[in-house]
Amino acid sequence: MAVLGTALTVLLAALLGLIVLVLVLPLRIELVLRKEAGLAFSAALRPLGGFGPRIRLSGSRKPHAAAQKPGRKRRYEPRRIVPAAGRLAAAILRRIRIRALVLDAKFGSGDPAETGQLYGMLAPLVYGTVPARRLQVAVQPVFDRAVLSGRAELDVTVVPAALIRPAVRFGWDAFGPVR
């Protein structure tokens, strides 16, 4: 009996250690969006600082119908949720490290004037960024026809444990007691 208790304790300690490692080490998120004839999207996670197994997040799953209990309905107040969501987005963006951003696109609206105006709005993004290995932006206007094609890749790293405090604050601010 004592051996079984010791083995169970060791197993629980190892499981707790693995959970702590997953929360403390950076999580690498890779997103790729392609538009040629159709739209293609792929995503993958790499836990344990990018050294863990690559977990593909592609394909669509059917959403489960949410079972609602009859009677009490929860009321959401946009006046509380919207500012809390803004603070959550800002807190998450402060904790994300961009490893690579690649944008390679061709676009055209069919009207040369509109295409030129849009290209002028994108010019600070294209030419205002310092050429770097981590950030590559190539946008090509097509003035004679309407077209949108290209590829966008984003590779970011985030420490999951760093997101716990902003998530708890969002929950409290948005859904907690009214002050």
Protein backbone atom coordinates (compact mmCIF):
# COMPACT_ATOMS: atom_id res chain seq x y z
CA MET A 1 0.00 0.00 0.00
CA ALA A 2 2.84 2.40 0.82
CA VAL A 3 4.46 1.71 -2.56
CA LEU A 4 1.20 2.58 -4.34
CA GLY A 5 0.89 5.82 -2.36
CA THR A 6 4.50 6.76 -3.14
CA ALA A 7 4.04 5.98 -6.85
CA LEU A 8 0.86 8.06 -6.94
CA THR A 9 2.62 10.96 -5.21
CA VAL A 10 5.52 10.81 -7.67
CA LEU A 11 3.09 10.69 -10.61
CA LEU A 12 1.14 13.69 -9.32
CA ALA A 13 4.36 15.64 -8.69
CA ALA A 14 5.57 14.88 -12.23
CA LEU A 15 2.22 15.96 -13.67
CA LEU A 16 2.30 19.18 -11.64
CA GLY A 17 5.88 19.82 -12.78
CA LEU A 18 4.86 19.34 -16.43
CA ILE A 19 1.93 21.76 -16.01
CA VAL A 20 4.25 24.37 -14.45
CA LEU A 21 6.75 23.92 -17.32
CA VAL A 22 4.01 24.38 -19.94
CA LEU A 23 2.79 27.54 -18.20
CA VAL A 24 6.21 29.08 -17.58
CA LEU A 25 8.04 28.30 -20.83
CA PRO A 26 7.16 30.30 -23.95
CA LEU A 27 4.49 29.04 -26.33
CA ARG A 28 5.26 29.58 -30.01
CA ILE A 29 2.27 30.26 -32.30
CA GLU A 30 2.67 30.04 -36.08
CA LEU A 31 -0.08 31.41 -38.36
CA VAL A 32 -0.13 31.30 -42.18
CA LEU A 33 -2.83 32.85 -44.40
CA ARG A 34 -2.80 32.36 -48.19
CA LYS A 35 -5.12 33.82 -50.81
CA GLU A 36 -4.83 32.66 -54.41
CA ALA A 37 -7.97 31.13 -55.90
CA GLY A 38 -9.37 30.44 -52.44
CA LEU A 39 -8.50 31.30 -48.88
CA ALA A 40 -6.27 28.88 -46.96
CA PHE A 41 -5.38 29.14 -43.27
CA SER A 42 -3.09 27.06 -41.12
CA ALA A 43 -1.98 27.39 -37.52
CA ALA A 44 0.32 25.47 -35.22
CA LEU A 45 1.44 25.62 -31.58
CA ARG A 46 4.89 24.67 -30.30
CA PRO A 47 4.94 24.42 -26.49
CA LEU A 48 7.98 24.31 -24.22
CA GLY A 49 9.80 27.24 -25.76
CA GLY A 50 9.39 25.99 -29.32
CA PHE A 51 11.18 22.70 -28.55
CA GLY A 52 8.01 20.72 -27.92
CA PRO A 53 5.97 18.84 -30.51
CA ARG A 54 4.28 20.84 -33.25
CA ILE A 55 0.52 20.81 -32.64
CA ARG A 56 -1.40 21.62 -35.83
CA LEU A 57 -4.60 23.62 -35.40
CA SER A 58 -6.24 23.26 -38.80
CA GLY A 59 -9.55 21.95 -40.03
CA SER A 60 -12.98 22.94 -38.90
CA ARG A 61 -14.99 21.43 -36.16
CA LYS A 62 -18.71 21.74 -35.75
CA PRO A 63 -19.59 23.93 -32.78
CA HIS A 64 -21.48 22.18 -30.03
CA ALA A 65 -24.90 23.54 -29.25
CA ALA A 66 -24.68 25.27 -25.90
CA ALA A 67 -27.07 23.79 -23.39
CA GLN A 68 -28.90 26.55 -21.59
CA LYS A 69 -30.65 26.04 -18.33
CA PRO A 70 -34.19 27.32 -18.39
CA GLY A 71 -35.03 30.24 -16.19
CA ARG A 72 -32.16 32.61 -15.32
CA LYS A 73 -30.46 34.47 -18.17
CA ARG A 74 -27.15 36.23 -17.75
CA ARG A 75 -27.12 39.88 -18.83
CA TYR A 76 -23.94 41.21 -20.34
CA GLU A 77 -23.25 44.89 -20.15
CA PRO A 78 -21.32 46.24 -23.18
CA ARG A 79 -20.40 49.33 -21.12
CA ARG A 80 -18.26 47.06 -18.94
CA ILE A 81 -17.12 44.46 -21.49
CA VAL A 82 -15.80 46.82 -24.20
CA PRO A 83 -13.34 48.79 -22.01
CA ALA A 84 -12.26 45.58 -20.27
CA ALA A 85 -11.66 43.91 -23.67
CA GLY A 86 -9.54 46.90 -24.75
CA ARG A 87 -7.40 46.61 -21.63
CA LEU A 88 -7.11 42.84 -22.17
CA ALA A 89 -5.98 43.29 -25.80
CA ALA A 90 -3.38 45.90 -24.74
CA ALA A 91 -2.09 43.66 -21.93
CA ILE A 92 -1.81 40.66 -24.28
CA LEU A 93 -0.01 42.69 -26.96
CA ARG A 94 2.54 43.86 -24.37
CA ARG A 95 3.31 40.23 -23.52
CA ILE A 96 3.65 38.91 -27.09
CA ARG A 97 7.02 38.76 -28.87
CA ILE A 98 6.89 38.80 -32.66
CA ARG A 99 9.49 36.39 -34.02
CA ALA A 100 8.62 36.89 -37.71
CA LEU A 101 6.06 38.74 -39.82
CA VAL A 102 6.02 38.16 -43.58
CA LEU A 103 3.52 39.85 -45.89
CA ASP A 104 3.72 39.29 -49.64
CA ALA A 105 0.63 40.50 -51.52
CA LYS A 106 -0.70 41.72 -54.85
CA PHE A 107 -3.82 43.84 -54.87
CA GLY A 108 -5.91 45.89 -57.23
CA SER A 109 -9.40 47.36 -57.04
CA GLY A 110 -10.11 47.57 -60.77
CA ASP A 111 -9.91 51.37 -60.64
CA PRO A 112 -6.34 52.70 -60.98
CA ALA A 113 -7.12 55.77 -58.84
CA GLU A 114 -8.46 53.73 -55.92
CA THR A 115 -5.57 51.27 -56.20
CA GLY A 116 -3.05 54.12 -56.15
CA GLN A 117 -4.77 55.75 -53.18
CA LEU A 118 -4.74 52.48 -51.22
CA TYR A 119 -1.10 51.88 -52.14
CA GLY A 120 -0.29 55.38 -50.90
CA MET A 121 -1.92 54.54 -47.55
CA LEU A 122 0.16 51.34 -47.34
CA ALA A 123 3.43 53.08 -48.31
CA PRO A 124 4.47 53.89 -44.69
CA LEU A 125 4.11 50.20 -43.83
CA VAL A 126 6.03 49.06 -46.90
CA TYR A 127 8.82 51.66 -46.99
CA GLY A 128 8.81 53.02 -43.44
CA THR A 129 9.95 49.82 -41.81
CA VAL A 130 13.64 49.07 -41.58
CA PRO A 131 14.49 45.93 -43.57
CA ALA A 132 14.96 43.14 -41.09
CA ARG A 133 14.94 39.39 -41.08
CA ARG A 134 11.98 39.30 -38.71
CA LEU A 135 9.80 41.76 -40.66
CA GLN A 136 9.38 41.42 -44.42
CA VAL A 137 6.68 43.42 -46.23
CA ALA A 138 6.24 43.29 -50.02
CA VAL A 139 3.07 44.79 -51.48
CA GLN A 140 2.60 45.10 -55.24
CA PRO A 141 -0.24 47.16 -56.74
CA VAL A 142 -2.02 45.89 -59.87
CA PHE A 143 -3.60 48.85 -61.64
CA ASP A 144 -5.36 47.14 -64.57
CA ARG A 145 -7.70 44.65 -62.82
CA ALA A 146 -9.31 43.72 -59.51
CA VAL A 147 -7.15 41.17 -57.73
CA LEU A 148 -6.20 40.11 -54.22
CA SER A 149 -3.62 37.39 -53.72
CA GLY A 150 -0.65 36.74 -51.53
CA ARG A 151 0.60 35.25 -48.33
CA ALA A 152 0.90 36.39 -44.73
CA GLU A 153 2.88 34.58 -42.04
CA LEU A 154 3.04 35.44 -38.37
CA ASP A 155 5.24 33.69 -35.81
CA VAL A 156 4.81 34.89 -32.22
CA THR A 157 5.92 33.71 -28.80
CA VAL A 158 4.01 34.19 -25.57
CA VAL A 159 4.44 32.86 -22.03
CA PRO A 160 1.05 31.41 -21.01
CA ALA A 161 1.57 32.17 -17.31
CA ALA A 162 1.96 35.87 -18.18
CA LEU A 163 -1.60 35.85 -19.59
CA ILE A 164 -3.25 34.62 -16.40
CA ARG A 165 -3.29 37.97 -14.60
CA PRO A 166 -4.74 39.95 -17.57
CA ALA A 167 -7.37 37.24 -18.13
CA VAL A 168 -8.42 37.28 -14.47
CA ARG A 169 -8.55 41.08 -14.50
CA PHE A 170 -10.70 41.01 -17.65
CA GLY A 171 -13.09 38.53 -16.06
CA TRP A 172 -13.37 40.62 -12.90
CA ASP A 173 -13.79 43.92 -14.77
CA ALA A 174 -16.30 42.57 -17.29
CA PHE A 175 -18.33 40.06 -15.29
CA GLY A 176 -17.54 40.75 -11.62
CA PRO A 177 -19.70 42.61 -9.15
CA VAL A 178 -20.89 46.09 -10.08
CA ARG A 179 -19.08 48.85 -8.22
